[in-house]
Amino acid sequence: MMAAIAALGGLFLAAFGAATILPFQSEVVFVGLQLGGRWPVWLLVLVASIGNILGAVVNFVMGLYAERFRDRRWFPASGRQLDRAQDWWQRYGLWTLLLSWAPFGDAFTVIAGIMRVPLWQFLALVSVAKTGRYIVLTWATAAAAG
């Protein structure tokens, strides 16, 4: 029982960390547990997806609060630049959340917070992207393992 909690908890933490701006990778942990065969694949996908989605929510919340600092000298964009970026985001940017699974995709989740994407839209798109990634990883691992 303790081994299951440790393994699945480790997967959750790796997936959570991988979705934040921290330099974590969850794929190695996921694949190792899948190849170990001790847990059903659906459970691994569920645990990893929940951890990864919650990590993205942390980024989103950071983005919500980042706009408070838009008038500071060290903020990466001036007020006018941020206004232009928000206009662009309103037209095209929402769908970039489907790339939140990809390298540097975590930046999209922070930007979504800055751009005040409604939480339900954020969660829907990020959930599809993050869960989809683990499903594809599951299939790829199974195919490679034979």
Foldseek 3Di string as FASTA:
>chain_A
DVVVCVLLVVLLQQLLQVLAPHPGDNLVSLLVVVVVVPDDLVSSLVSSLVSNLVSLVVLLVLLLPLVVCQCPPPNPDHPVRLVVVLVVCVVPVLLLLLVSCDVVSSVSSNVCNVSVPPPVSSSVSNSCNSSVVSVVSSVVSVVVVD
